[in-house]
Amino acid sequence: MSSSFLTTEKSSFLFLSFKFEYKENGETHTYPFKTGRRFYIDPTKCGNSARFANHSCEPNMIAKKWMANNRKEGFKAIGFVANKDIRKGAELTINYGMVL
C-alpha cells in the first residue's frame, strides 16, 4: 500500500455557488463534501487526480478532513486515505454518500 495522499483542496469550489448551474445544465454526477457549516469542496469541474475516485459501497479509501496549510482558521480540505491494502492498478474508490 502506498503512503500517497490525494487531496481535493487544490481546486475546490464553493458548492452552493454552482448548485443552480448544475441543475440548469442537467449535471447529476457530482460529489460535494461538506467541510463546515457553509462550505463544500466540489471537484466536479476541475481538480487533481482525487476527482477521479469512483463510488463504491465497499470503498478502498475514506475521506478525511484536514486543515490546509496557510489557510484561514477553520478551513478544511479533504484527503482520501486508504482504509485497506490496495493492489497496484486497482480502481480507487470512495463512498460518495459518506458523511464527514
Protein backbone atom coordinates (compact mmCIF):
# COMPACT_ATOMS: atom_id res chain seq x y z
CA MET A 1 0.00 0.00 0.00
CA SER A 2 1.38 3.39 -0.96
CA SER A 3 1.60 6.23 1.52
CA SER A 4 0.37 8.69 -1.13
CA PHE A 5 -2.29 11.15 -0.03
CA LEU A 6 -4.76 12.60 -2.54
CA THR A 7 -6.47 15.90 -1.85
CA THR A 8 -9.31 17.82 -3.45
CA GLU A 9 -8.24 21.06 -1.74
CA LYS A 10 -6.19 22.34 -4.65
CA SER A 11 -9.09 23.22 -6.95
CA SER A 12 -12.11 23.35 -4.70
CA PHE A 13 -15.29 25.27 -5.28
CA LEU A 14 -17.94 26.74 -3.09
CA PHE A 15 -20.65 24.21 -3.91
CA LEU A 16 -23.58 26.46 -3.18
CA SER A 17 -22.47 28.83 -5.94
CA PHE A 18 -22.71 26.10 -8.55
CA LYS A 19 -25.76 24.18 -7.32
CA PHE A 20 -28.19 26.10 -9.52
CA GLU A 21 -25.85 25.94 -12.53
CA TYR A 22 -25.57 22.15 -12.19
CA LYS A 23 -29.34 21.77 -12.17
CA GLU A 24 -29.72 24.09 -15.18
CA ASN A 25 -27.12 22.09 -17.16
CA GLY A 26 -28.59 18.72 -16.16
CA GLU A 27 -25.46 17.67 -14.28
CA THR A 28 -26.35 14.95 -11.80
CA HIS A 29 -22.98 13.28 -11.18
CA THR A 30 -21.41 15.48 -8.51
CA TYR A 31 -19.92 14.56 -5.17
CA PRO A 32 -19.54 17.59 -2.92
CA PHE A 33 -18.08 17.16 0.56
CA LYS A 34 -19.27 19.44 3.33
CA THR A 35 -16.28 20.84 5.25
CA GLY A 36 -18.02 23.10 7.73
CA ARG A 37 -21.24 24.95 8.35
CA ARG A 38 -21.25 26.75 4.99
CA PHE A 39 -18.56 25.37 2.69
CA TYR A 40 -18.33 22.41 0.35
CA ILE A 41 -15.42 21.06 -1.67
CA ASP A 42 -16.62 20.04 -5.11
CA PRO A 43 -14.18 18.83 -7.78
CA THR A 44 -16.89 18.37 -10.43
CA LYS A 45 -15.45 20.85 -12.92
CA CYS A 46 -11.71 20.62 -12.22
CA GLY A 47 -9.24 19.36 -9.67
CA ASN A 48 -6.40 16.94 -9.31
CA SER A 49 -6.32 13.14 -9.56
CA ALA A 50 -8.54 12.78 -6.48
CA ARG A 51 -11.56 13.79 -8.56
CA PHE A 52 -11.38 10.51 -10.50
CA ALA A 53 -12.05 8.27 -7.49
CA ASN A 54 -15.15 6.22 -8.23
CA HIS A 55 -18.06 5.31 -5.96
CA SER A 56 -18.32 2.02 -4.11
CA CYS A 57 -20.46 0.84 -1.22
CA GLU A 58 -17.32 -1.05 -0.10
CA PRO A 59 -14.63 1.56 -0.87
CA ASN A 60 -10.88 1.09 -0.51
CA MET A 61 -10.44 4.72 0.62
CA ILE A 62 -12.17 7.02 3.08
CA ALA A 63 -12.40 10.80 3.03
CA LYS A 64 -10.80 12.66 5.94
CA LYS A 65 -10.99 16.33 6.88
CA TRP A 66 -7.70 18.13 7.48
CA MET A 67 -6.51 21.68 7.94
CA ALA A 68 -4.84 23.12 4.84
CA ASN A 69 -1.53 24.92 5.36
CA ASN A 70 -1.59 28.71 5.15
CA ARG A 71 -5.38 28.88 5.12
CA LYS A 72 -7.81 30.79 7.27
CA GLU A 73 -8.61 29.23 10.62
CA GLY A 74 -11.37 26.70 10.25
CA PHE A 75 -10.87 25.98 6.53
CA LYS A 76 -10.65 22.27 5.96
CA ALA A 77 -9.58 20.26 2.96
CA ILE A 78 -10.50 16.70 2.09
CA GLY A 79 -7.94 13.92 1.70
CA PHE A 80 -8.62 10.37 0.52
CA VAL A 81 -6.83 7.80 2.68
CA ALA A 82 -6.62 4.05 2.07
CA ASN A 83 -8.68 2.03 4.55
CA LYS A 84 -7.32 -1.31 3.30
CA ASP A 85 -4.44 -2.58 1.20
CA ILE A 86 -4.82 -1.53 -2.44
CA ARG A 87 -3.23 -3.59 -5.21
CA LYS A 88 -1.24 -1.79 -7.90
CA GLY A 89 -3.62 -0.96 -10.75
CA ALA A 90 -6.76 -1.39 -8.63
CA GLU A 91 -9.60 1.10 -9.00
CA LEU A 92 -9.57 3.78 -6.28
CA THR A 93 -12.99 4.12 -4.68
CA ILE A 94 -14.80 6.14 -2.03
CA ASN A 95 -18.39 6.17 -0.83
CA TYR A 96 -19.93 9.32 -2.32
CA GLY A 97 -22.61 9.27 0.37
CA MET A 98 -20.13 9.25 3.26
CA VAL A 99 -20.82 11.85 5.94
CA LEU A 100 -17.69 13.60 7.22
